[in-house]
Amino acid sequence: MHAALTGLDPRQRRALELIYGEHRTQREVATALEISRRRVARIVATALQTVARDLRSDKPGPLPVE
């Protein structure tokens, strides 16, 4: 799991830490990261996809940005 998390960029990792580690809402995360709530939702969704993919594969790496 740690290896999968290291494949994330710092903003993705921080968003997951705030939501899942500190039980913050998306609104609170948006305020803390100074971004929109919609952007938080996208960052978290992409981060979770990346972690899931990396846990299934031998070679971790970030997802391409759309």
N, C-alpha and C. Protein backbone atom coordinates (compact mmCIF):
# COMPACT_ATOMS: atom_id res chain seq x y z
N MET A 1 0.83 -1.19 0.00
CA MET A 1 0.00 0.00 0.00
C MET A 1 0.87 1.25 0.00
N HIS A 2 1.93 1.25 0.81
CA HIS A 2 2.81 2.41 0.88
C HIS A 2 3.40 2.73 -0.48
N ALA A 3 3.83 1.70 -1.21
CA ALA A 3 4.41 1.91 -2.54
C ALA A 3 3.39 2.53 -3.48
N ALA A 4 2.15 2.09 -3.39
CA ALA A 4 1.10 2.64 -4.25
C ALA A 4 0.88 4.12 -3.93
N LEU A 5 0.93 4.48 -2.67
CA LEU A 5 0.73 5.88 -2.29
C LEU A 5 1.89 6.77 -2.72
N THR A 6 3.08 6.21 -2.79
CA THR A 6 4.22 7.01 -3.21
C THR A 6 4.17 7.33 -4.70
N GLY A 7 3.33 6.61 -5.45
CA GLY A 7 3.14 6.90 -6.88
C GLY A 7 2.25 8.10 -7.13
N LEU A 8 1.67 8.65 -6.08
CA LEU A 8 0.79 9.81 -6.22
C LEU A 8 1.58 11.10 -6.15
N ASP A 9 1.02 12.14 -6.76
CA ASP A 9 1.67 13.44 -6.60
C ASP A 9 1.31 13.98 -5.22
N PRO A 10 2.04 14.95 -4.72
CA PRO A 10 1.82 15.44 -3.35
C PRO A 10 0.40 15.92 -3.07
N ARG A 11 -0.23 16.57 -4.04
CA ARG A 11 -1.60 17.06 -3.81
C ARG A 11 -2.58 15.90 -3.67
N GLN A 12 -2.42 14.86 -4.51
CA GLN A 12 -3.28 13.68 -4.41
C GLN A 12 -3.10 13.01 -3.06
N ARG A 13 -1.85 12.83 -2.66
CA ARG A 13 -1.56 12.18 -1.39
C ARG A 13 -2.15 12.97 -0.22
N ARG A 14 -1.99 14.29 -0.25
CA ARG A 14 -2.51 15.14 0.84
C ARG A 14 -4.04 15.08 0.88
N ALA A 15 -4.68 15.10 -0.27
CA ALA A 15 -6.14 15.03 -0.31
C ALA A 15 -6.62 13.72 0.31
N LEU A 16 -5.98 12.60 -0.02
CA LEU A 16 -6.37 11.32 0.57
C LEU A 16 -6.10 11.30 2.07
N GLU A 17 -4.98 11.88 2.49
CA GLU A 17 -4.68 11.94 3.92
C GLU A 17 -5.76 12.71 4.68
N LEU A 18 -6.17 13.83 4.11
CA LEU A 18 -7.19 14.65 4.77
C LEU A 18 -8.54 13.95 4.82
N ILE A 19 -8.94 13.35 3.71
CA ILE A 19 -10.26 12.71 3.65
C ILE A 19 -10.32 11.42 4.45
N TYR A 20 -9.34 10.54 4.23
CA TYR A 20 -9.40 9.23 4.87
C TYR A 20 -8.65 9.16 6.19
N GLY A 21 -7.62 9.95 6.35
CA GLY A 21 -6.85 9.93 7.59
C GLY A 21 -7.41 10.84 8.67
N GLU A 22 -7.84 12.04 8.23
CA GLU A 22 -8.34 13.03 9.18
C GLU A 22 -9.85 13.19 9.13
N HIS A 23 -10.51 12.41 8.27
CA HIS A 23 -11.98 12.40 8.15
C HIS A 23 -12.55 13.79 7.85
N ARG A 24 -11.87 14.50 6.95
CA ARG A 24 -12.33 15.82 6.55
C ARG A 24 -13.31 15.70 5.38
N THR A 25 -14.19 16.67 5.24
CA THR A 25 -15.11 16.70 4.11
C THR A 25 -14.39 17.25 2.88
N GLN A 26 -14.99 17.05 1.71
CA GLN A 26 -14.40 17.61 0.50
C GLN A 26 -14.33 19.13 0.59
N ARG A 27 -15.31 19.73 1.19
CA ARG A 27 -15.30 21.19 1.36
C ARG A 27 -14.12 21.63 2.23
N GLU A 28 -13.87 20.90 3.32
CA GLU A 28 -12.73 21.23 4.19
C GLU A 28 -11.40 21.02 3.46
N VAL A 29 -11.32 19.96 2.66
CA VAL A 29 -10.11 19.70 1.89
C VAL A 29 -9.91 20.81 0.86
N ALA A 30 -10.97 21.22 0.21
CA ALA A 30 -10.89 22.30 -0.77
C ALA A 30 -10.34 23.57 -0.13
N THR A 31 -10.82 23.88 1.04
CA THR A 31 -10.33 25.06 1.75
C THR A 31 -8.86 24.91 2.12
N ALA A 32 -8.50 23.75 2.64
CA ALA A 32 -7.11 23.51 3.06
C ALA A 32 -6.14 23.57 1.88
N LEU A 33 -6.56 23.05 0.72
CA LEU A 33 -5.68 23.01 -0.45
C LEU A 33 -5.86 24.23 -1.36
N GLU A 34 -6.83 25.09 -0.99
CA GLU A 34 -7.13 26.30 -1.76
C GLU A 34 -7.49 25.99 -3.21
N ILE A 35 -8.40 25.01 -3.36
CA ILE A 35 -8.92 24.63 -4.67
C ILE A 35 -10.43 24.44 -4.54
N SER A 36 -11.12 24.24 -5.66
CA SER A 36 -12.56 24.05 -5.61
C SER A 36 -12.92 22.64 -5.11
N ARG A 37 -14.14 22.51 -4.60
CA ARG A 37 -14.60 21.21 -4.15
C ARG A 37 -14.67 20.23 -5.32
N ARG A 38 -15.04 20.73 -6.48
CA ARG A 38 -15.10 19.89 -7.68
C ARG A 38 -13.71 19.36 -8.02
N ARG A 39 -12.70 20.20 -7.88
CA ARG A 39 -11.32 19.77 -8.15
C ARG A 39 -10.89 18.71 -7.14
N VAL A 40 -11.30 18.86 -5.88
CA VAL A 40 -11.00 17.85 -4.86
C VAL A 40 -11.58 16.51 -5.29
N ALA A 41 -12.82 16.52 -5.74
CA ALA A 41 -13.47 15.27 -6.17
C ALA A 41 -12.69 14.61 -7.30
N ARG A 42 -12.23 15.41 -8.27
CA ARG A 42 -11.45 14.85 -9.38
C ARG A 42 -10.11 14.31 -8.91
N ILE A 43 -9.44 15.06 -8.04
CA ILE A 43 -8.13 14.63 -7.54
C ILE A 43 -8.26 13.32 -6.78
N VAL A 44 -9.26 13.21 -5.92
CA VAL A 44 -9.46 12.00 -5.13
C VAL A 44 -9.82 10.83 -6.03
N ALA A 45 -10.69 11.04 -7.01
CA ALA A 45 -11.07 9.95 -7.92
C ALA A 45 -9.86 9.44 -8.69
N THR A 46 -9.05 10.35 -9.20
CA THR A 46 -7.85 9.95 -9.94
C THR A 46 -6.86 9.23 -9.03
N ALA A 47 -6.69 9.76 -7.82
CA ALA A 47 -5.76 9.14 -6.86
C ALA A 47 -6.21 7.71 -6.52
N LEU A 48 -7.49 7.52 -6.30
CA LEU A 48 -7.99 6.19 -5.96
C LEU A 48 -7.83 5.22 -7.13
N GLN A 49 -8.03 5.70 -8.35
CA GLN A 49 -7.81 4.87 -9.53
C GLN A 49 -6.35 4.47 -9.63
N THR A 50 -5.47 5.42 -9.38
CA THR A 50 -4.03 5.16 -9.45
C THR A 50 -3.62 4.13 -8.41
N VAL A 51 -4.08 4.31 -7.18
CA VAL A 51 -3.75 3.37 -6.11
C VAL A 51 -4.27 1.98 -6.44
N ALA A 52 -5.51 1.89 -6.89
CA ALA A 52 -6.10 0.59 -7.23
C ALA A 52 -5.31 -0.09 -8.33
N ARG A 53 -4.97 0.66 -9.37
CA ARG A 53 -4.20 0.10 -10.48
C ARG A 53 -2.83 -0.36 -10.00
N ASP A 54 -2.17 0.47 -9.20
CA ASP A 54 -0.83 0.13 -8.72
C ASP A 54 -0.84 -1.09 -7.81
N LEU A 55 -1.90 -1.26 -7.05
CA LEU A 55 -1.99 -2.43 -6.18
C LEU A 55 -2.18 -3.71 -7.00
N ARG A 56 -2.78 -3.58 -8.20
CA ARG A 56 -2.98 -4.74 -9.07
C ARG A 56 -1.77 -5.05 -9.94
N SER A 57 -0.88 -4.09 -10.11
CA SER A 57 0.25 -4.29 -11.01
C SER A 57 1.57 -4.37 -10.26
N ASP A 58 2.59 -4.77 -10.98
CA ASP A 58 3.94 -4.84 -10.41
C ASP A 58 4.67 -3.51 -10.55
N LYS A 59 4.20 -2.65 -11.41
CA LYS A 59 4.92 -1.43 -11.73
C LYS A 59 4.06 -0.20 -11.45
N PRO A 60 4.20 0.42 -10.25
CA PRO A 60 3.39 1.60 -9.94
C PRO A 60 3.76 2.79 -10.81
N GLY A 61 2.78 3.64 -11.01
CA GLY A 61 3.02 4.87 -11.75
C GLY A 61 1.74 5.68 -11.84
N PRO A 62 1.85 6.97 -12.12
CA PRO A 62 0.66 7.82 -12.16
C PRO A 62 -0.18 7.56 -13.41
N LEU A 63 -1.48 7.81 -13.30
CA LEU A 63 -2.37 7.75 -14.45
C LEU A 63 -2.15 8.98 -15.32
N PRO A 64 -2.37 8.86 -16.61
CA PRO A 64 -2.25 10.05 -17.45
C PRO A 64 -3.36 11.04 -17.09
N VAL A 65 -3.04 12.31 -17.16
CA VAL A 65 -4.00 13.37 -16.87
C VAL A 65 -4.81 13.65 -18.13
N GLU A 66 -6.12 13.74 -17.95
CA GLU A 66 -6.99 14.01 -19.10
C GLU A 66 -7.26 15.48 -19.24
